[in-house]
Amino acid sequence: GWSGACTGTGSCVVTVDAAKSVTAAFALNSYPLTVSMAGTGSGAVTSTPPGITCGTDCSEPYNYGTSVTLTAAPATGATFTGWSGACTGTGSCVVTLDAAKSVTSTFTLNTYSLTVIKAGTGSGSVSSSPLGIACGLDCTEPYNYGTSITLTAAPGTGATFTGWSGACTGTG
């Protein structure tokens, strides 16, 4: 707006009947940068210059022309799988604010295979909870990071379950 011989933001009309001064003040526009999280995993996105720490603060206004670098950090057991919106790829995301912009970061929960190997001279089967392993037929199954699997052994006719080895021990 104007200050001095004029005020407000409309046109400034000055009648010159003495020495006068007018100041015209201009401000940079500010635009929001908004980060969204997607996918089965979790993580965090931070910005340089500071302002965005997404998980908790996912939107920040920046002045016109500001170049903002977003960095994704996956949580344990997850992988950062890419940007969409104003950025693409899997590296750092650089956004120059000349309008409101949105970026989505995608984190995917890691999966790992659990394999059951039947050993010994007897017969039997092994099942899992949650479902997936039905060993005799399906002895390997992928599970999401952090999933707790309960394996149950059922000895065949004339056999006895004698115990686990590997990731499990004992006879329970």
Protein backbone atom coordinates (compact mmCIF):
# COMPACT_ATOMS: atom_id res chain seq x y z
CA GLY A 1 0.00 0.00 0.00
CA TRP A 2 0.75 3.68 0.09
CA SER A 3 2.17 5.81 2.86
CA GLY A 4 3.01 9.50 3.06
CA ALA A 5 0.78 11.78 1.01
CA CYS A 6 -1.46 8.78 0.15
CA THR A 7 -2.82 5.82 2.10
CA GLY A 8 -4.55 2.55 1.26
CA THR A 9 -4.06 0.34 -1.78
CA GLY A 10 -6.12 2.10 -4.46
CA SER A 11 -4.85 4.71 -6.88
CA CYS A 12 -2.85 7.54 -5.34
CA VAL A 13 -3.92 11.04 -6.38
CA VAL A 14 -1.62 13.82 -5.16
CA THR A 15 -2.22 17.51 -5.62
CA VAL A 16 1.17 19.15 -5.69
CA ASP A 17 0.78 22.32 -3.71
CA ALA A 18 3.91 21.87 -1.61
CA ALA A 19 6.80 19.39 -1.36
CA LYS A 20 5.26 15.98 -0.79
CA SER A 21 6.49 12.38 -0.72
CA VAL A 22 4.74 9.13 -1.35
CA THR A 23 6.03 5.65 -0.57
CA ALA A 24 4.74 2.65 -2.51
CA ALA A 25 5.32 -0.60 -0.58
CA PHE A 26 5.33 -3.96 -2.35
CA ALA A 27 5.38 -7.37 -0.65
CA LEU A 28 6.30 -10.71 -2.14
CA ASN A 29 3.37 -13.05 -2.54
CA SER A 30 3.39 -16.08 -0.31
CA TYR A 31 2.30 -19.53 -1.53
CA PRO A 32 1.68 -22.73 0.44
CA LEU A 33 3.74 -25.87 -0.13
CA THR A 34 1.79 -28.91 1.10
CA VAL A 35 3.21 -32.40 1.59
CA SER A 36 0.99 -35.48 1.78
CA MET A 37 2.03 -38.96 2.90
CA ALA A 38 0.90 -42.08 1.05
CA GLY A 39 1.63 -45.79 0.95
CA THR A 40 1.69 -48.66 3.39
CA GLY A 41 4.84 -47.53 5.21
CA SER A 42 5.70 -44.47 7.22
CA GLY A 43 8.43 -41.88 7.37
CA ALA A 44 9.09 -38.16 7.64
CA VAL A 45 9.65 -35.30 5.21
CA THR A 46 11.65 -32.21 6.16
CA SER A 47 12.36 -29.00 4.28
CA THR A 48 15.26 -26.64 3.68
CA PRO A 49 14.66 -23.80 4.42
CA PRO A 50 12.94 -25.07 7.59
CA GLY A 51 9.19 -25.05 7.95
CA ILE A 52 7.96 -28.50 6.98
CA THR A 53 8.43 -31.45 9.32
CA CYS A 54 5.80 -33.79 7.96
CA GLY A 55 4.39 -36.10 10.10
CA THR A 56 3.45 -33.09 12.27
CA ASP A 57 3.66 -29.92 10.10
CA CYS A 58 2.94 -30.76 6.46
CA SER A 59 2.19 -27.32 5.01
CA GLU A 60 4.10 -24.07 5.07
CA PRO A 61 3.80 -20.74 3.22
CA TYR A 62 6.95 -19.57 1.40
CA ASN A 63 7.65 -16.32 -0.42
CA TYR A 64 7.42 -16.21 -4.22
CA GLY A 65 10.57 -17.58 -5.84
CA THR A 66 11.77 -19.51 -2.79
CA SER A 67 13.44 -22.80 -3.70
CA VAL A 68 12.49 -25.45 -1.13
CA THR A 69 14.28 -28.80 -0.90
CA LEU A 70 12.26 -31.66 0.58
CA THR A 71 14.04 -34.72 2.00
CA ALA A 72 12.29 -38.01 2.77
CA ALA A 73 13.43 -40.34 5.56
CA PRO A 74 11.67 -43.71 5.81
CA ALA A 75 10.85 -45.17 9.21
CA THR A 76 12.42 -48.47 10.25
CA GLY A 77 10.94 -51.26 8.18
CA ALA A 78 9.85 -48.96 5.34
CA THR A 79 11.31 -47.74 2.06
CA PHE A 80 10.81 -44.36 0.44
CA THR A 81 9.44 -45.23 -3.01
CA GLY A 82 9.04 -41.81 -4.57
CA TRP A 83 7.47 -38.39 -5.03
CA SER A 84 4.43 -37.38 -7.02
CA GLY A 85 2.77 -34.04 -7.66
CA ALA A 86 5.25 -31.17 -8.01
CA CYS A 87 8.19 -33.66 -7.86
CA THR A 88 9.01 -37.08 -9.26
CA GLY A 89 11.72 -39.64 -8.60
CA THR A 90 13.28 -40.83 -5.36
CA GLY A 91 16.01 -38.25 -4.70
CA SER A 92 15.58 -34.91 -2.97
CA CYS A 93 12.61 -32.89 -4.18
CA VAL A 94 13.29 -29.26 -5.16
CA VAL A 95 10.24 -27.02 -5.57
CA THR A 96 10.34 -23.34 -6.57
CA LEU A 97 7.28 -21.52 -5.24
CA ASP A 98 5.57 -19.46 -7.94
CA ALA A 99 2.09 -20.76 -7.04
CA ALA A 100 0.54 -23.07 -4.43
CA LYS A 101 2.18 -26.49 -4.84
CA SER A 102 1.53 -30.00 -3.51
CA VAL A 103 3.87 -32.96 -3.22
CA THR A 104 3.05 -36.52 -2.17
CA SER A 105 5.71 -38.74 -0.61
CA THR A 106 5.14 -42.48 -0.74
CA PHE A 107 6.58 -44.91 1.79
CA THR A 108 6.14 -48.66 1.36
CA LEU A 109 6.32 -51.15 4.21
CA ASN A 110 9.09 -53.68 3.60
CA THR A 111 8.11 -57.31 3.19
CA TYR A 112 10.21 -60.31 4.19
CA SER A 113 9.75 -63.99 3.48
CA LEU A 114 9.24 -66.51 6.25
CA THR A 115 10.21 -70.02 5.16
CA VAL A 116 9.38 -73.23 7.01
CA ILE A 117 11.55 -76.27 6.33
CA LYS A 118 10.24 -79.60 7.52
CA ALA A 119 12.95 -81.97 8.75
CA GLY A 120 13.23 -85.33 10.44
CA THR A 121 11.93 -88.79 9.69
CA GLY A 122 8.28 -88.16 10.68
CA SER A 123 5.53 -86.33 8.85
CA GLY A 124 3.34 -83.38 9.73
CA SER A 125 2.23 -79.94 8.70
CA VAL A 126 2.84 -76.38 9.82
CA SER A 127 0.27 -73.56 9.62
CA SER A 128 0.50 -69.87 10.41
CA SER A 129 -1.59 -67.19 12.00
CA PRO A 130 -2.14 -64.84 10.26
CA LEU A 131 -2.84 -67.18 7.37
CA GLY A 132 -0.27 -67.70 4.66
CA ILE A 133 1.80 -70.74 5.50
CA ALA A 134 0.20 -74.16 5.07
CA CYS A 135 3.35 -76.24 4.89
CA GLY A 136 3.00 -79.25 3.16
CA LEU A 137 1.72 -77.09 0.26
CA ASP A 138 2.93 -73.52 0.88
CA CYS A 139 6.07 -73.30 3.03
CA THR A 140 7.17 -69.73 2.19
CA GLU A 141 5.13 -66.57 2.57
CA PRO A 142 5.96 -62.83 2.46
CA TYR A 143 4.86 -60.76 5.45
CA ASN A 144 5.03 -57.05 6.18
CA TYR A 145 7.80 -55.75 8.44
CA GLY A 146 6.87 -56.08 12.10
CA THR A 147 4.16 -58.71 11.60
CA SER A 148 4.12 -61.25 14.43
CA ILE A 149 3.56 -64.76 13.05
CA THR A 150 2.45 -67.73 15.15
CA LEU A 151 3.44 -71.09 13.67
CA THR A 152 1.61 -74.22 14.74
CA ALA A 153 3.02 -77.70 14.11
CA ALA A 154 0.66 -80.67 13.68
CA PRO A 155 2.41 -84.07 13.63
CA GLY A 156 1.19 -86.66 11.14
CA THR A 157 -0.13 -90.08 12.11
CA GLY A 158 2.54 -92.03 13.96
CA ALA A 159 4.83 -88.96 14.31
CA THR A 160 5.74 -86.61 17.15
CA PHE A 161 6.67 -82.94 16.85
CA THR A 162 10.18 -82.70 18.33
CA GLY A 163 10.84 -78.97 18.13
CA TRP A 164 11.76 -75.83 16.18
CA SER A 165 15.13 -74.55 15.06
CA GLY A 166 16.11 -71.31 13.34
CA ALA A 167 14.00 -68.26 14.20
CA CYS A 168 11.98 -70.33 16.75
CA THR A 169 13.12 -72.74 19.43
CA GLY A 170 11.42 -75.16 21.78
CA THR A 171 8.34 -77.26 21.21
CA GLY A 172 5.57 -74.69 21.75
